[in-house]
Amino acid sequence: MTPPWVQLRQLRKAAGLTQAELAAGIVTQSMLCHIERGRVIPAEDTLRALLTKLKVPAEEAMQPWRAWRNRGRIRDRLWIAVNLEDGPLMQQLLDEGGHLLVPFERQVYTGFAGALTAGERTEAWAAVREVLEKAAQDENRPVLRSSRSGPRAGISQGGRKRDVYAGAWTHIDKARALVTEAKAQWLAARHFTDDEGALYWKQVMALYLWETIWKGAQ
């Protein structure tokens, strides 16, 4: 699913307009830049004006933007479900708004929901590990920067290519996703009696959980 802000940028370029030309009389060029990077979800009146200037049917093009407005609510409820270890609630939220998440987020939340409901079924745990492996290989998986300052070094983008979702998730969103990944990996390691792996992921979990608390308090 191509983010709507990427589509907006593509439409502007297809129309042969610069950011300054499209923004004129509607928003500042700086604001349009933020919109096109996914950092700001514009008000509907603003979006309608931009789409009208691009000669694009506004109502149809605005639907994806309306959906993206719900992503913050979905993320907050998913984090609550992670802490409650409520697998069915997580799956319900993923069914409702999983398409609004960054692919790495969607994969780790799916993996954790699977881990919570896998029980003793080996095939279910194999599916969990497959999802987590895919998440680990995600080209835009965030990483904890190495530094003597430990967790205070912060989370950076570990992308091997330009991340079109860069503006679509905050530092806290990334930290929460990494905590969830570590919790799912820890549960999987415990199921497969991998004591070394379980200890490693427990330590990783603590690092990223500290990051959510540290950044959340700032």
Protein backbone atom coordinates (compact mmCIF):
# COMPACT_ATOMS: atom_id res chain seq x y z
CA MET A 1 0.00 0.00 0.00
CA THR A 2 1.60 3.24 -1.18
CA PRO A 3 1.24 5.94 1.50
CA PRO A 4 -1.05 8.79 0.40
CA TRP A 5 1.67 11.40 0.90
CA VAL A 6 3.83 9.55 -1.64
CA GLN A 7 0.89 9.53 -4.02
CA LEU A 8 0.44 13.27 -3.51
CA ARG A 9 4.09 13.90 -4.38
CA GLN A 10 3.75 11.70 -7.46
CA LEU A 11 0.63 13.59 -8.56
CA ARG A 12 2.38 16.95 -8.12
CA LYS A 13 5.35 15.84 -10.20
CA ALA A 14 3.08 14.36 -12.87
CA ALA A 15 1.34 17.75 -13.08
CA GLY A 16 4.71 19.44 -13.57
CA LEU A 17 4.38 21.61 -10.46
CA THR A 18 7.04 22.51 -7.93
CA GLN A 19 6.23 22.43 -4.23
CA ALA A 20 6.12 26.22 -4.21
CA GLU A 21 3.65 26.31 -7.11
CA LEU A 22 1.29 23.73 -5.58
CA ALA A 23 1.48 25.30 -2.12
CA ALA A 24 0.85 28.87 -3.30
CA GLY A 25 -2.33 30.28 -1.75
CA ILE A 26 -3.01 27.09 0.23
CA VAL A 27 -0.14 26.31 2.63
CA THR A 28 3.50 27.28 2.99
CA GLN A 29 6.05 25.39 0.94
CA SER A 30 7.55 24.12 4.20
CA MET A 31 4.18 22.70 5.28
CA LEU A 32 3.70 20.99 1.91
CA CYS A 33 7.15 19.46 2.30
CA HIS A 34 6.08 18.00 5.68
CA ILE A 35 2.84 16.71 4.15
CA GLU A 36 4.69 15.01 1.30
CA ARG A 37 6.98 13.29 3.79
CA GLY A 38 4.13 11.95 5.90
CA ARG A 39 5.05 14.10 8.90
CA VAL A 40 1.76 16.01 8.81
CA ILE A 41 -1.71 14.74 7.95
CA PRO A 42 -3.42 17.84 6.48
CA ALA A 43 -6.89 19.07 7.35
CA GLU A 44 -9.51 17.96 4.85
CA ASP A 45 -10.06 21.49 3.53
CA THR A 46 -6.35 21.85 2.88
CA LEU A 47 -6.15 18.46 1.20
CA ARG A 48 -9.19 19.19 -0.94
CA ALA A 49 -7.63 22.46 -2.11
CA LEU A 50 -4.37 20.74 -3.04
CA LEU A 51 -6.15 17.95 -4.93
CA THR A 52 -8.40 20.43 -6.74
CA LYS A 53 -5.33 22.36 -7.87
CA LEU A 54 -3.90 19.08 -9.18
CA LYS A 55 -7.21 18.43 -11.01
CA VAL A 56 -7.71 15.16 -9.14
CA PRO A 57 -11.18 13.97 -7.97
CA ALA A 58 -10.95 15.01 -4.33
CA GLU A 59 -13.37 12.61 -2.62
CA GLU A 60 -11.78 9.46 -4.01
CA ALA A 61 -8.23 10.65 -3.33
CA MET A 62 -9.08 11.68 0.23
CA GLN A 63 -10.19 8.24 1.37
CA PRO A 64 -6.66 6.91 2.07
CA TRP A 65 -5.86 10.04 4.08
CA ARG A 66 -8.93 9.51 6.25
CA ALA A 67 -7.80 5.97 6.99
CA TRP A 68 -4.32 7.11 7.98
CA ARG A 69 -5.80 9.45 10.59
CA ASN A 70 -6.69 6.34 12.61
CA ARG A 71 -3.14 5.00 12.81
CA GLY A 72 -2.29 6.73 16.12
CA ARG A 73 -5.33 5.18 17.81
CA ILE A 74 -4.48 1.75 16.40
CA ARG A 75 -0.87 2.03 17.59
CA ASP A 76 -1.84 3.09 21.10
CA ARG A 77 -4.33 0.26 21.47
CA LEU A 78 -1.83 -2.26 20.08
CA TRP A 79 0.72 -1.17 22.69
CA ILE A 80 -1.89 -1.65 25.41
CA ALA A 81 -2.63 -5.11 24.02
CA VAL A 82 1.10 -5.93 24.02
CA ASN A 83 1.39 -5.02 27.69
CA LEU A 84 -1.78 -6.94 28.55
CA GLU A 85 -0.52 -9.86 26.42
CA ASP A 86 -3.97 -9.99 24.83
CA GLY A 87 -3.52 -11.94 21.60
CA PRO A 88 -7.16 -11.84 20.41
CA LEU A 89 -7.32 -8.05 20.90
CA MET A 90 -4.08 -7.63 18.97
CA GLN A 91 -5.42 -9.70 16.10
CA GLN A 92 -8.64 -7.70 16.09
CA LEU A 93 -6.67 -4.44 15.89
CA LEU A 94 -4.42 -5.81 13.16
CA ASP A 95 -7.46 -6.87 11.14
CA GLU A 96 -8.91 -3.38 11.59
CA GLY A 97 -5.86 -1.24 10.95
CA GLY A 98 -2.81 -3.36 10.21
CA HIS A 99 -2.60 -1.87 6.73
CA LEU A 100 -1.95 1.54 8.33
CA LEU A 101 1.23 0.36 10.04
CA VAL A 102 4.77 0.45 8.72
CA PRO A 103 5.56 -3.06 7.37
CA PHE A 104 8.07 -3.81 10.17
CA GLU A 105 5.47 -2.86 12.80
CA ARG A 106 2.82 -5.03 11.19
CA GLN A 107 5.15 -8.03 11.07
CA VAL A 108 6.29 -7.88 14.71
CA TYR A 109 2.79 -7.25 16.09
CA THR A 110 1.53 -10.17 13.99
CA GLY A 111 4.37 -12.33 15.31
CA PHE A 112 3.66 -11.41 18.91
CA ALA A 113 -0.08 -12.03 18.53
CA GLY A 114 0.78 -15.44 17.08
CA ALA A 115 3.16 -16.20 19.96
CA LEU A 116 0.44 -15.41 22.50
CA THR A 117 -2.00 -17.85 20.91
CA ALA A 118 0.40 -20.59 19.71
CA GLY A 119 0.13 -22.74 22.82
CA GLU A 120 2.16 -25.92 22.34
CA ARG A 121 1.52 -26.21 18.61
CA THR A 122 4.90 -26.55 16.89
CA GLU A 123 3.55 -25.46 13.52
CA ALA A 124 2.17 -22.27 15.06
CA TRP A 125 5.56 -21.45 16.60
CA ALA A 126 7.24 -22.13 13.26
CA ALA A 127 4.88 -19.60 11.68
CA VAL A 128 5.75 -17.09 14.42
CA ARG A 129 9.46 -17.49 13.77
CA GLU A 130 8.91 -17.13 10.02
CA VAL A 131 7.13 -13.79 10.53
CA LEU A 132 9.82 -12.58 12.94
CA GLU A 133 12.58 -13.59 10.52
CA LYS A 134 10.89 -11.56 7.80
CA ALA A 135 10.71 -8.59 10.17
CA ALA A 136 14.40 -8.95 11.06
CA GLN A 137 15.28 -8.74 7.38
CA ASP A 138 13.10 -5.69 6.75
CA GLU A 139 15.13 -3.08 4.88
CA ASN A 140 13.70 -0.32 7.07
CA ARG A 141 14.06 -2.04 10.43
CA PRO A 142 15.15 0.56 13.01
CA VAL A 143 18.27 -0.11 15.06
CA LEU A 144 19.69 1.02 18.37
CA ARG A 145 22.74 3.16 17.68
CA SER A 146 25.89 1.81 19.30
CA SER A 147 27.43 4.17 21.83
CA ARG A 148 29.11 4.22 25.22
CA SER A 149 25.98 5.96 26.45
CA GLY A 150 24.00 2.75 26.01
CA PRO A 151 20.26 3.18 25.45
CA ARG A 152 20.66 6.95 25.47
CA ALA A 153 22.30 6.55 22.07
CA GLY A 154 18.79 6.28 20.72
CA ILE A 155 17.09 4.52 17.84
CA SER A 156 18.02 5.33 14.28
CA GLN A 157 16.80 4.13 10.92
CA GLY A 158 18.72 1.04 9.86
CA GLY A 159 17.35 1.20 6.34
CA ARG A 160 19.41 0.01 3.43
CA LYS A 161 17.28 2.12 1.09
CA ARG A 162 15.21 5.26 1.36
CA ASP A 163 12.32 4.72 3.76
CA VAL A 164 9.06 6.10 2.33
CA TYR A 165 7.59 5.63 5.80
CA ALA A 166 10.26 7.75 7.51
CA GLY A 167 7.78 10.40 8.56
CA ALA A 168 5.03 7.92 9.33
CA TRP A 169 6.30 6.67 12.66
CA THR A 170 7.86 8.40 15.61
CA HIS A 171 10.77 7.40 17.82
CA ILE A 172 8.29 5.97 20.33
CA ASP A 173 6.51 3.97 17.61
CA LYS A 174 9.86 2.44 16.62
CA ALA A 175 10.84 1.66 20.21
CA ARG A 176 7.49 0.01 20.90
CA ALA A 177 7.80 -2.13 17.78
CA LEU A 178 11.32 -3.20 18.80
CA VAL A 179 10.12 -4.10 22.31
CA THR A 180 7.35 -6.18 20.75
CA GLU A 181 9.82 -7.93 18.44
CA ALA A 182 12.07 -8.76 21.41
CA LYS A 183 9.14 -10.06 23.49
CA ALA A 184 7.99 -12.30 20.65
CA GLN A 185 11.53 -13.60 20.07
CA TRP A 186 11.91 -14.22 23.82
CA LEU A 187 8.68 -16.25 23.93
CA ALA A 188 9.78 -18.25 20.88
CA ALA A 189 13.20 -18.94 22.41
CA ARG A 190 11.57 -20.16 25.61
CA HIS A 191 9.24 -22.46 23.67
CA PHE A 192 12.19 -24.03 21.84
CA THR A 193 14.16 -24.22 25.16
CA ASP A 194 16.83 -21.93 23.73
CA ASP A 195 18.10 -20.56 27.05
CA GLU A 196 20.87 -18.49 25.49
CA GLY A 197 18.49 -16.93 22.99
CA ALA A 198 15.91 -16.26 25.69
CA LEU A 199 18.49 -14.45 27.83
CA TYR A 200 19.67 -12.38 24.85
CA TRP A 201 16.16 -11.27 23.86
CA LYS A 202 15.25 -10.51 27.47
CA GLN A 203 18.20 -8.12 27.63
CA VAL A 204 17.28 -6.56 24.28
CA MET A 205 13.71 -6.15 25.49
CA ALA A 206 14.90 -4.27 28.57
CA LEU A 207 17.02 -1.91 26.45
CA TYR A 208 14.18 -0.98 24.12
CA LEU A 209 11.63 -0.77 26.92
CA TRP A 210 13.92 1.72 28.66
CA GLU A 211 14.02 3.66 25.39
CA THR A 212 10.22 3.96 25.32
CA ILE A 213 10.22 5.27 28.90
CA TRP A 214 13.15 7.66 28.36
CA LYS A 215 11.82 9.20 25.14
CA GLY A 216 8.22 9.13 26.33
CA ALA A 217 9.18 11.29 29.30
CA GLN A 218 10.90 13.92 27.18
